[in-house]
Amino acid sequence: MQALIITYWGYATIVFWIVLLAPSLVMMIRKRISRCVPHTEIPTAWPMISVIVPAKDEAETIEVTLNSLLACDYPRLEIIAVNDRSNDETGMIMERVAREAAAQDQASMQVVHIEELPSDWLGKSHAMYQGAQCANGELLLFTDGDIIFDKNAITSATRILLHNKLDHLCLLPQLARGGLIEMAFITFFGFLLTGGTFLWLVPTRWNFAYLGIGAFNLIRTDVYQKIGGHAAIKLDVLDDIKLGKLLKNHGYRQDFYLGIEELKVRWQPSAWGVITGVEKNSFASFHYSVIKLSLATMLYVLFFLASFVMPFLFPLSQSIGFLITVVLLHLCYAVIGVLFASGIRVTPFLFFASLALAFAIWRSAWITLKNGGVRWRDTIYPLDVLKKNLY
């Protein structure tokens, strides 16, 4: 009886991962934006786009981001840089870049300075909302202050959005190369994204399948206004993802594409930076619930860790399903590494990366519960307030 349970468990694990990973991987391979744009028409009239770039204490990266936007070939672009209470030279850099852009007759650029944060807002959501209030574009593009844009990025994305008659379009960026362990950790986040968000269902009407990407959220302005903008999610830590959920719940059309040639980001500066970088968001992904996090951990143990352990505990005739799962997981991890430009070099680190990220998520929960809230960019947000305002 025990042998039968082990055998069926192993085969169930194979099915579990095929269902979670295979459709999303196929979609990601097919939806590389550079391959899809040639099948779209060039618009006779380009809509004006307002690019909103919130930044707080990002003096090291903001100039590169803004200059990459100014170099874009999109014909009707308005850039709104939002300096959100920065304590470094972020605001001064924004002003200088704006002056230089005006002198060289580049795209229109304005700088918005925020001095105070209302008590009922998260900083980044408030900055994006304020930027949107200054926008004149028919489309809004929300991005981050550390993204590097290819000159064709916005043009290509707009052609896709118009051709497919979308209300919201996300682009998944390339993860700029760092150290090997750092890239292994980040690739595992891509692995979780692929397996946990039902990417192949994002273009459908199914409300539970939605997506939002902080690096590139392109949305129609009238749609943004109808759903209440960021005011509807002003105290939700997962602002980019919840913007996608908000749109989907209101019945609007969204989709995603792989933009590894169009966007580049160095997510965190080191392997440990990846661990600490998810401190704000990880526990929020489970609605600040220890029960939900525990259930997810149980699934991780039953369908991931067990696959690496069981072949050492039971004969091959019983554990063959787990062994096949291990091979399958490494193949999928390698494909994700290639898709996000980490390369197949990260493949042997799958097991280690999974343990590190499990640690990071539980660390996030521990710190949030210990502090009674989330501390982010010198601001503390009480846990009871965050729970009440989950979307």
Protein backbone atom coordinates (compact mmCIF):
# COMPACT_ATOMS: atom_id res chain seq x y z
CA MET A 1 0.00 0.00 0.00
CA GLN A 2 2.80 2.40 0.92
CA ALA A 3 4.59 1.68 -2.36
CA LEU A 4 1.41 2.49 -4.29
CA ILE A 5 0.94 5.79 -2.45
CA ILE A 6 4.54 6.83 -3.16
CA THR A 7 4.21 5.88 -6.83
CA TYR A 8 0.95 7.79 -7.34
CA TRP A 9 2.32 10.77 -5.41
CA GLY A 10 5.28 10.92 -7.77
CA TYR A 11 3.10 10.82 -10.90
CA ALA A 12 0.72 13.40 -9.41
CA THR A 13 3.73 15.68 -8.94
CA ILE A 14 4.55 15.42 -12.65
CA VAL A 15 0.98 16.36 -13.59
CA PHE A 16 0.98 19.21 -11.05
CA TRP A 17 4.03 20.90 -12.60
CA ILE A 18 3.04 20.26 -16.20
CA VAL A 19 -0.30 21.98 -15.60
CA LEU A 20 1.31 24.93 -13.81
CA LEU A 21 4.34 25.48 -16.04
CA ALA A 22 3.82 24.13 -19.56
CA PRO A 23 1.03 26.46 -20.82
CA SER A 24 2.73 29.58 -19.41
CA LEU A 25 6.11 28.66 -20.90
CA VAL A 26 4.55 28.09 -24.29
CA MET A 27 2.83 31.47 -24.08
CA MET A 28 6.04 33.23 -23.06
CA ILE A 29 8.00 31.69 -25.92
CA ARG A 30 5.29 32.63 -28.42
CA LYS A 31 4.76 36.15 -27.06
CA ARG A 32 8.22 37.63 -27.41
CA ILE A 33 7.23 41.12 -28.47
CA SER A 34 9.94 41.52 -31.11
CA ARG A 35 8.49 38.50 -32.93
CA CYS A 36 4.89 39.71 -32.69
CA VAL A 37 5.24 43.38 -33.70
CA PRO A 38 5.89 42.65 -37.42
CA HIS A 39 2.40 41.12 -37.57
CA THR A 40 0.77 44.39 -36.49
CA GLU A 41 0.00 47.47 -38.57
CA ILE A 42 1.57 50.90 -38.10
CA PRO A 43 -1.11 53.27 -36.73
CA THR A 44 -2.18 56.16 -38.95
CA ALA A 45 -2.40 58.32 -35.80
CA TRP A 46 -0.28 57.62 -32.74
CA PRO A 47 -2.00 58.27 -29.38
CA MET A 48 -0.15 60.54 -26.99
CA ILE A 49 1.50 58.61 -24.14
CA SER A 50 2.29 60.00 -20.69
CA VAL A 51 5.11 58.06 -19.05
CA ILE A 52 4.98 58.33 -15.27
CA VAL A 53 8.27 57.64 -13.48
CA PRO A 54 8.06 57.73 -9.66
CA ALA A 55 11.36 57.70 -7.81
CA LYS A 56 12.49 58.04 -4.22
CA ASP A 57 16.21 58.18 -3.47
CA GLU A 58 17.16 56.72 -6.85
CA ALA A 59 19.94 59.12 -7.81
CA GLU A 60 22.10 56.23 -9.02
CA THR A 61 19.66 55.05 -11.69
CA ILE A 62 17.13 57.78 -12.50
CA GLU A 63 19.24 59.68 -15.05
CA VAL A 64 19.87 56.56 -17.13
CA THR A 65 16.15 55.72 -17.04
CA LEU A 66 15.03 59.19 -18.08
CA ASN A 67 17.62 59.46 -20.85
CA SER A 68 16.59 56.07 -22.23
CA LEU A 69 12.98 57.32 -22.34
CA LEU A 70 14.01 60.55 -24.05
CA ALA A 71 15.85 58.50 -26.67
CA CYS A 72 12.74 56.45 -27.53
CA ASP A 73 11.47 56.79 -31.09
CA TYR A 74 7.81 57.11 -30.11
CA PRO A 75 6.45 60.21 -31.90
CA ARG A 76 4.13 61.59 -29.17
CA LEU A 77 5.67 61.17 -25.73
CA GLU A 78 5.23 63.09 -22.49
CA ILE A 79 7.45 62.18 -19.54
CA ILE A 80 6.33 62.96 -15.99
CA ALA A 81 9.10 62.37 -13.44
CA VAL A 82 7.81 62.29 -9.87
CA ASN A 83 10.30 63.01 -7.11
CA ASP A 84 8.73 61.33 -4.09
CA ARG A 85 10.27 62.95 -0.98
CA SER A 86 13.83 62.01 -1.95
CA ASN A 87 16.66 62.68 0.48
CA ASP A 88 19.35 62.39 -2.18
CA GLU A 89 19.88 64.22 -5.50
CA THR A 90 17.03 62.48 -7.35
CA GLY A 91 14.97 65.68 -7.69
CA MET A 92 17.91 67.79 -8.87
CA ILE A 93 18.85 65.17 -11.46
CA MET A 94 15.28 65.12 -12.75
CA GLU A 95 15.27 68.91 -13.11
CA ARG A 96 18.62 68.92 -14.92
CA VAL A 97 17.54 66.19 -17.34
CA ALA A 98 14.30 68.12 -18.02
CA ARG A 99 16.25 71.31 -18.79
CA GLU A 100 18.60 69.44 -21.11
CA ALA A 101 15.65 67.78 -22.87
CA ALA A 102 13.99 71.16 -23.44
CA ALA A 103 17.25 72.66 -24.76
CA GLN A 104 17.66 69.79 -27.23
CA ASP A 105 13.98 69.87 -28.24
CA GLN A 106 13.42 66.27 -27.12
CA ALA A 107 10.18 64.79 -25.76
CA SER A 108 8.17 66.94 -23.37
CA MET A 109 9.24 66.38 -19.76
CA GLN A 110 7.99 67.81 -16.49
CA VAL A 111 9.03 67.16 -12.91
CA VAL A 112 6.59 66.84 -10.01
CA HIS A 113 7.98 67.19 -6.49
CA ILE A 114 6.13 65.58 -3.56
CA GLU A 115 7.08 66.91 -0.13
CA GLU A 116 4.57 65.13 2.10
CA LEU A 117 2.82 61.75 2.07
CA PRO A 118 -0.85 61.62 3.15
CA SER A 119 -1.40 59.20 6.02
CA ASP A 120 -3.84 57.08 4.00
CA TRP A 121 -1.52 56.42 1.04
CA LEU A 122 1.51 54.27 0.25
CA GLY A 123 4.33 56.37 -1.14
CA LYS A 124 4.73 54.85 -4.59
CA SER A 125 0.99 54.60 -5.28
CA HIS A 126 0.56 58.23 -4.24
CA ALA A 127 3.43 59.32 -6.50
CA MET A 128 1.99 57.47 -9.50
CA TYR A 129 -1.48 58.87 -8.83
CA GLN A 130 -0.15 62.43 -8.62
CA GLY A 131 1.78 61.92 -11.83
CA ALA A 132 -1.35 60.64 -13.56
CA GLN A 133 -3.25 63.79 -12.52
CA CYS A 134 -0.74 65.86 -14.51
CA ALA A 135 -0.91 63.65 -17.59
CA ASN A 136 -2.29 64.74 -20.96
CA GLY A 137 -1.87 61.45 -22.80
CA GLU A 138 -4.51 59.09 -24.12
CA LEU A 139 -2.38 56.29 -22.71
CA LEU A 140 -0.53 56.12 -19.39
CA LEU A 141 2.68 54.15 -18.94
CA PHE A 142 3.67 53.47 -15.33
CA THR A 143 7.27 52.40 -14.91
CA ASP A 144 10.07 52.41 -12.31
CA GLY A 145 13.08 54.64 -11.80
CA ASP A 146 15.60 51.92 -12.60
CA ILE A 147 14.35 50.64 -15.98
CA ILE A 148 16.38 51.00 -19.17
CA PHE A 149 14.23 51.34 -22.31
CA ASP A 150 15.25 50.32 -25.80
CA LYS A 151 14.43 53.04 -28.32
CA ASN A 152 11.69 50.84 -29.89
CA ALA A 153 10.13 49.66 -26.63
CA ILE A 154 7.17 52.02 -26.36
CA THR A 155 6.46 52.04 -30.08
CA SER A 156 6.38 48.24 -30.24
CA ALA A 157 4.19 47.92 -27.14
CA THR A 158 1.74 50.51 -28.44
CA ARG A 159 1.38 48.72 -31.76
CA ILE A 160 0.55 45.50 -29.86
CA LEU A 161 -1.96 47.24 -27.60
CA LEU A 162 -3.75 48.96 -30.50
CA HIS A 163 -3.71 45.91 -32.78
CA ASN A 164 -5.18 43.63 -30.08
CA LYS A 165 -7.59 46.32 -28.81
CA LEU A 166 -6.28 45.97 -25.26
CA ASP A 167 -6.97 48.20 -22.29
CA HIS A 168 -3.85 47.17 -20.38
CA LEU A 169 -0.53 45.73 -21.52
CA CYS A 170 2.35 44.47 -19.38
CA LEU A 171 5.89 43.79 -20.57
CA LEU A 172 8.16 41.38 -18.69
CA PRO A 173 11.69 42.86 -18.70
CA GLN A 174 15.12 41.34 -19.10
CA LEU A 175 16.92 40.92 -15.80
CA ALA A 176 20.31 42.56 -16.24
CA ARG A 177 23.18 40.22 -15.47
CA GLY A 178 24.63 40.14 -11.98
CA GLY A 179 26.43 37.47 -9.98
CA LEU A 180 25.60 33.82 -10.60
CA ILE A 181 23.83 33.24 -7.26
CA GLU A 182 21.93 36.51 -7.61
CA MET A 183 20.72 35.50 -11.07
CA ALA A 184 19.73 32.04 -9.81
CA PHE A 185 17.57 33.63 -7.11
CA ILE A 186 15.94 36.07 -9.52
CA THR A 187 15.31 33.32 -12.07
CA PHE A 188 13.46 31.39 -9.40
CA PHE A 189 11.17 34.39 -8.99
CA GLY A 190 10.53 34.09 -12.72
CA PHE A 191 9.83 30.41 -12.08
CA LEU A 192 7.25 31.33 -9.42
CA LEU A 193 5.70 33.95 -11.70
CA THR A 194 5.42 31.40 -14.49
CA GLY A 195 3.88 28.73 -12.30
CA GLY A 196 1.77 30.84 -9.98
CA THR A 197 -0.02 33.42 -12.11
CA PHE A 198 -1.70 31.30 -14.82
CA LEU A 199 -0.19 33.49 -17.51
CA TRP A 200 -2.01 31.71 -20.32
CA LEU A 201 -5.34 32.82 -18.81
CA VAL A 202 -4.40 36.51 -18.41
CA PRO A 203 -5.87 37.47 -21.84
CA THR A 204 -9.15 35.71 -21.00
CA ARG A 205 -12.11 36.96 -18.96
CA TRP A 206 -11.22 34.74 -15.99
CA ASN A 207 -10.91 37.19 -13.07
CA PHE A 208 -8.50 35.09 -11.02
CA ALA A 209 -5.84 35.32 -13.78
CA TYR A 210 -4.41 38.84 -13.86
CA LEU A 211 -1.03 40.51 -14.07
CA GLY A 212 0.66 43.82 -13.43
CA ILE A 213 4.36 44.57 -13.89
CA GLY A 214 5.98 47.56 -12.17
CA ALA A 215 8.49 47.95 -14.99
CA PHE A 216 5.83 48.41 -17.67
CA ASN A 217 2.09 48.92 -17.11
CA LEU A 218 0.56 50.56 -20.21
CA ILE A 219 -3.10 51.48 -19.73
CA ARG A 220 -5.73 53.59 -21.47
CA THR A 221 -6.24 56.85 -19.56
CA ASP A 222 -10.04 56.74 -19.67
CA VAL A 223 -9.97 53.19 -18.28
CA TYR A 224 -7.58 54.25 -15.49
CA GLN A 225 -9.95 57.05 -14.54
CA LYS A 226 -13.05 54.83 -14.63
CA ILE A 227 -11.57 52.31 -12.19
CA GLY A 228 -10.49 55.05 -9.79
CA GLY A 229 -6.80 54.83 -10.57
CA HIS A 230 -4.38 54.13 -7.75
CA ALA A 231 -6.83 55.68 -5.27
CA ALA A 232 -8.66 52.34 -5.33
CA ILE A 233 -5.52 50.50 -4.18
CA LYS A 234 -3.76 53.30 -2.33
CA LEU A 235 -2.79 51.18 0.70
CA ASP A 236 -2.03 47.90 -1.05
CA VAL A 237 1.67 47.06 -1.07
CA LEU A 238 1.40 45.08 -4.32
CA ASP A 239 0.46 48.18 -6.31
CA ASP A 240 1.59 46.97 -9.75
CA ILE A 241 -0.08 43.55 -9.51
CA LYS A 242 -3.23 44.92 -7.90
CA LEU A 243 -3.59 47.49 -10.69
CA GLY A 244 -3.88 44.50 -13.03
CA LYS A 245 -6.40 42.85 -10.70
CA LEU A 246 -8.44 46.04 -10.50
CA LEU A 247 -8.64 46.24 -14.29
CA LYS A 248 -9.55 42.59 -14.66
CA ASN A 249 -12.29 42.78 -12.04
CA HIS A 250 -13.86 45.67 -13.95
CA GLY A 251 -13.99 43.57 -17.12
CA TYR A 252 -11.23 45.29 -19.10
CA ARG A 253 -8.91 43.47 -21.50
CA GLN A 254 -5.30 42.90 -20.52
CA ASP A 255 -2.39 40.88 -21.82
CA PHE A 256 1.34 40.42 -21.33
CA TYR A 257 4.33 40.05 -23.63
CA LEU A 258 7.96 39.20 -23.12
CA GLY A 259 10.02 42.36 -23.55
CA ILE A 260 13.56 41.19 -22.91
CA GLU A 261 14.90 43.14 -25.90
CA GLU A 262 12.89 46.23 -25.01
CA LEU A 263 13.39 46.59 -21.24
CA LYS A 264 16.24 45.90 -18.87
CA VAL A 265 16.44 46.12 -15.09
CA ARG A 266 18.99 45.18 -12.43
CA TRP A 267 16.45 44.15 -9.83
CA GLN A 268 18.77 43.91 -6.83
CA PRO A 269 22.50 44.61 -6.45
CA SER A 270 23.45 41.23 -4.89
CA ALA A 271 22.19 37.81 -3.87
CA TRP A 272 21.48 39.03 -0.35
CA GLY A 273 19.83 42.09 -1.89
CA VAL A 274 17.31 39.74 -3.51
CA ILE A 275 16.50 38.27 -0.09
CA THR A 276 16.04 41.68 1.56
CA GLY A 277 14.37 43.16 -1.53
CA VAL A 278 11.27 40.98 -1.13
CA GLU A 279 10.83 41.97 2.51
CA LYS A 280 8.01 44.41 1.67
CA ASN A 281 6.06 42.34 -0.84
CA SER A 282 6.38 38.64 -0.01
CA PHE A 283 4.10 38.35 3.02
CA ALA A 284 1.64 40.74 1.35
CA SER A 285 1.29 38.18 -1.46
CA PHE A 286 -0.37 35.90 1.12
CA HIS A 287 -2.64 38.68 2.44
CA TYR A 288 -0.51 38.82 5.61
CA SER A 289 -1.93 35.43 6.59
CA VAL A 290 0.30 32.89 8.32
CA ILE A 291 -2.29 30.22 7.49
CA LYS A 292 -2.12 30.93 3.75
CA LEU A 293 1.66 31.06 3.86
CA SER A 294 1.75 27.74 5.74
CA LEU A 295 -0.52 26.10 3.15
CA ALA A 296 1.71 27.37 0.35
CA THR A 297 4.73 26.02 2.21
CA MET A 298 3.02 22.65 2.51
CA LEU A 299 2.50 22.56 -1.27
CA TYR A 300 6.15 23.51 -1.73
CA VAL A 301 7.23 20.60 0.48
CA LEU A 302 4.84 18.06 -1.08
CA PHE A 303 5.34 18.92 -4.74
CA PHE A 304 8.82 20.44 -4.87
CA LEU A 305 11.12 19.43 -2.03
CA ALA A 306 9.76 15.88 -1.97
CA SER A 307 10.84 15.38 -5.57
CA PHE A 308 14.47 15.94 -4.60
CA VAL A 309 14.31 13.78 -1.46
CA MET A 310 12.14 10.77 -2.32
CA PRO A 311 14.52 9.17 -4.89
CA PHE A 312 17.04 8.80 -2.06
CA LEU A 313 14.53 7.15 0.27
CA PHE A 314 12.68 4.71 -1.98
CA PRO A 315 13.53 2.33 -4.83
CA LEU A 316 13.48 3.69 -8.38
CA SER A 317 10.37 1.62 -9.19
CA GLN A 318 8.46 3.68 -6.60
CA SER A 319 10.14 7.07 -6.93
CA ILE A 320 10.44 7.27 -10.74
CA GLY A 321 7.73 9.97 -10.82
CA PHE A 322 9.76 12.19 -8.50
CA LEU A 323 12.89 11.67 -10.56
CA ILE A 324 11.06 12.65 -13.74
CA THR A 325 9.74 15.72 -11.90
CA VAL A 326 13.28 16.79 -10.95
CA VAL A 327 14.35 16.59 -14.59
CA LEU A 328 11.22 18.46 -15.70
CA LEU A 329 11.75 21.21 -13.11
CA HIS A 330 15.36 21.75 -14.19
CA LEU A 331 14.36 21.90 -17.85
CA CYS A 332 11.68 24.50 -17.13
CA TYR A 333 14.05 26.48 -14.91
CA ALA A 334 16.64 26.47 -17.70
CA VAL A 335 14.07 27.71 -20.24
CA ILE A 336 13.04 30.51 -17.88
CA GLY A 337 16.69 31.39 -17.37
CA VAL A 338 17.15 31.72 -21.13
CA LEU A 339 13.90 33.68 -21.57
CA PHE A 340 14.88 36.24 -18.92
CA ALA A 341 18.51 36.38 -20.10
CA SER A 342 19.99 34.70 -17.02
CA GLY A 343 21.21 31.84 -19.19
CA ILE A 344 21.34 28.11 -18.57
CA ARG A 345 24.25 28.63 -16.17
CA VAL A 346 21.73 29.01 -13.33
CA THR A 347 20.17 25.56 -13.90
CA PRO A 348 22.18 23.60 -11.27
CA PHE A 349 21.15 26.10 -8.58
CA LEU A 350 17.40 25.44 -8.74
CA PHE A 351 17.16 23.57 -5.43
CA PHE A 352 19.38 26.06 -3.58
CA ALA A 353 17.46 29.04 -5.04
CA SER A 354 14.14 27.54 -3.93
CA LEU A 355 15.37 27.18 -0.34
CA ALA A 356 16.73 30.74 -0.36
CA LEU A 357 13.44 32.19 -1.58
CA ALA A 358 11.40 30.11 0.88
CA PHE A 359 13.63 31.59 3.58
CA ALA A 360 13.10 35.09 2.14
CA ILE A 361 9.32 34.76 2.21
CA TRP A 362 9.23 33.49 5.80
CA ARG A 363 11.73 36.19 6.74
CA SER A 364 9.34 38.76 5.27
CA ALA A 365 6.50 37.32 7.37
CA TRP A 366 8.61 37.31 10.54
CA ILE A 367 9.80 40.91 10.10
CA THR A 368 6.31 42.17 9.23
CA LEU A 369 4.73 40.48 12.24
CA LYS A 370 7.54 41.51 14.59
CA ASN A 371 7.37 45.15 13.49
CA GLY A 372 3.58 45.18 13.40
CA GLY A 373 3.67 46.47 9.85
CA VAL A 374 5.78 47.13 6.77
CA ARG A 375 8.73 49.50 6.80
CA TRP A 376 9.58 50.80 3.36
CA ARG A 377 11.67 53.79 2.28
CA ASP A 378 11.72 55.36 5.77
CA THR A 379 7.94 55.02 6.21
CA ILE A 380 6.17 52.53 8.48
CA TYR A 381 2.74 51.25 7.45
CA PRO A 382 0.81 49.53 10.33
CA LEU A 383 -0.21 45.94 9.66
CA ASP A 384 -3.85 46.39 10.71
CA VAL A 385 -4.21 49.29 8.26
CA LEU A 386 -2.63 47.28 5.43
CA LYS A 387 -4.92 44.30 6.11
CA LYS A 388 -8.03 46.48 6.08
CA ASN A 389 -7.03 47.99 2.74
CA LEU A 390 -6.10 44.84 0.84
CA TYR A 391 -7.65 44.69 -2.60
